[in-house]
Amino acid sequence: MSYEGEWEEFVERLARDLAPALRRRMYRAQFERMLGLRSSSEKLVYFYLVESQPQSFTTMRKSLGLGKATLSRSLESLRRWRLVALDERFLYWTEQQG
């Protein structure tokens, strides 16, 4: 096997072995952030985005059964805390934090 092939195999094996640990760490951090949120609607919206991002305002409103004012207030609070971002296509994402 060539040096390049060995390197690719090593990188693939490393990524495969690290992925579960990184996923657990990321979910743990997101769960900790969610616990620090004040309102139930903020927690619901954040958890929904963690599991199914990106999402539009309308899709979240229909899926979660929240009113426009409640969802808007929750998203604004999450954006203020930099837990959620809105992209140029008007889709909401969770922010990756260290």
Protein backbone atom coordinates (compact mmCIF):
# COMPACT_ATOMS: atom_id res chain seq x y z
CA MET A 1 0.00 0.00 0.00
CA SER A 2 1.34 3.43 -0.83
CA TYR A 3 2.17 6.03 1.78
CA GLU A 4 -0.85 8.08 0.64
CA GLY A 5 -3.16 5.07 1.01
CA GLU A 6 -1.85 4.37 4.50
CA TRP A 7 -2.39 7.99 5.47
CA GLU A 8 -5.97 7.99 4.15
CA GLU A 9 -6.72 4.77 6.04
CA PHE A 10 -5.26 6.23 9.23
CA VAL A 11 -7.32 9.43 8.91
CA GLU A 12 -10.52 7.47 8.20
CA ARG A 13 -9.93 5.20 11.20
CA LEU A 14 -9.16 8.19 13.44
CA ALA A 15 -12.31 10.01 12.32
CA ARG A 16 -14.45 6.90 12.82
CA ASP A 17 -13.05 6.40 16.33
CA LEU A 18 -13.36 10.05 17.34
CA ALA A 19 -16.85 10.74 15.94
CA PRO A 20 -18.86 9.11 18.78
CA ALA A 21 -16.85 10.89 21.49
CA LEU A 22 -17.16 14.24 19.72
CA ARG A 23 -20.89 13.73 19.19
CA ARG A 24 -21.39 12.95 22.92
CA ARG A 25 -19.36 15.98 23.92
CA MET A 26 -21.30 18.25 21.57
CA TYR A 27 -24.70 16.97 22.77
CA ARG A 28 -23.61 17.29 26.39
CA ALA A 29 -22.61 20.93 25.82
CA GLN A 30 -25.89 21.65 24.03
CA PHE A 31 -27.85 20.00 26.83
CA GLU A 32 -26.02 22.09 29.44
CA ARG A 33 -26.82 25.27 27.49
CA MET A 34 -30.46 24.21 27.22
CA LEU A 35 -30.70 23.69 30.99
CA GLY A 36 -29.51 27.26 31.52
CA LEU A 37 -32.37 28.71 29.49
CA ARG A 38 -35.17 30.42 31.40
CA SER A 39 -38.41 29.66 29.63
CA SER A 40 -39.86 26.36 28.48
CA SER A 41 -40.43 27.75 25.00
CA GLU A 42 -36.75 28.72 24.68
CA LYS A 43 -35.74 25.20 25.72
CA LEU A 44 -38.21 23.66 23.29
CA VAL A 45 -37.05 25.79 20.36
CA TYR A 46 -33.36 25.23 21.12
CA PHE A 47 -33.80 21.47 21.47
CA TYR A 48 -35.84 21.33 18.26
CA LEU A 49 -33.08 23.16 16.37
CA VAL A 50 -30.37 20.94 17.83
CA GLU A 51 -32.20 17.91 16.48
CA SER A 52 -33.47 19.22 13.15
CA GLN A 53 -31.62 22.31 11.99
CA PRO A 54 -31.83 24.32 9.85
CA GLN A 55 -35.45 25.40 10.12
CA SER A 56 -37.55 28.31 8.96
CA PHE A 57 -39.74 30.34 11.31
CA THR A 58 -42.92 28.99 9.71
CA THR A 59 -41.81 25.37 9.88
CA MET A 60 -40.91 25.72 13.56
CA ARG A 61 -44.18 27.45 14.35
CA LYS A 62 -46.21 24.69 12.73
CA SER A 63 -44.09 21.80 14.05
CA LEU A 64 -43.93 23.06 17.63
CA GLY A 65 -47.45 24.47 17.80
CA LEU A 66 -46.22 27.80 19.15
CA GLY A 67 -47.79 31.16 18.48
CA LYS A 68 -45.94 33.74 16.40
CA ALA A 69 -45.25 36.00 19.38
CA THR A 70 -43.97 33.17 21.59
CA LEU A 71 -41.69 31.76 18.88
CA SER A 72 -40.43 35.20 17.92
CA ARG A 73 -39.67 36.07 21.56
CA SER A 74 -37.89 32.75 22.09
CA LEU A 75 -35.78 33.05 18.94
CA GLU A 76 -34.85 36.63 19.73
CA SER A 77 -33.70 35.61 23.20
CA LEU A 78 -31.72 32.66 21.81
CA ARG A 79 -30.10 34.94 19.23
CA ARG A 80 -29.27 37.51 21.91
CA TRP A 81 -27.49 34.78 23.89
CA ARG A 82 -25.79 33.68 20.63
CA LEU A 83 -27.19 30.18 20.85
CA VAL A 84 -29.07 30.49 17.56
CA ALA A 85 -28.19 32.24 14.31
CA LEU A 86 -30.26 33.32 11.33
CA ASP A 87 -28.62 32.90 7.92
CA GLU A 88 -29.09 34.78 4.65
CA ARG A 89 -31.80 32.33 3.55
CA PHE A 90 -33.81 33.04 6.73
CA LEU A 91 -33.04 29.65 8.24
CA TYR A 92 -32.25 29.23 11.93
CA TRP A 93 -29.23 27.20 13.13
CA THR A 94 -27.69 26.50 16.51
CA GLU A 95 -24.35 28.21 17.07
CA GLN A 96 -21.33 26.04 17.78
CA GLN A 97 -19.64 27.22 20.95
CA GLY A 98 -16.42 26.11 22.51
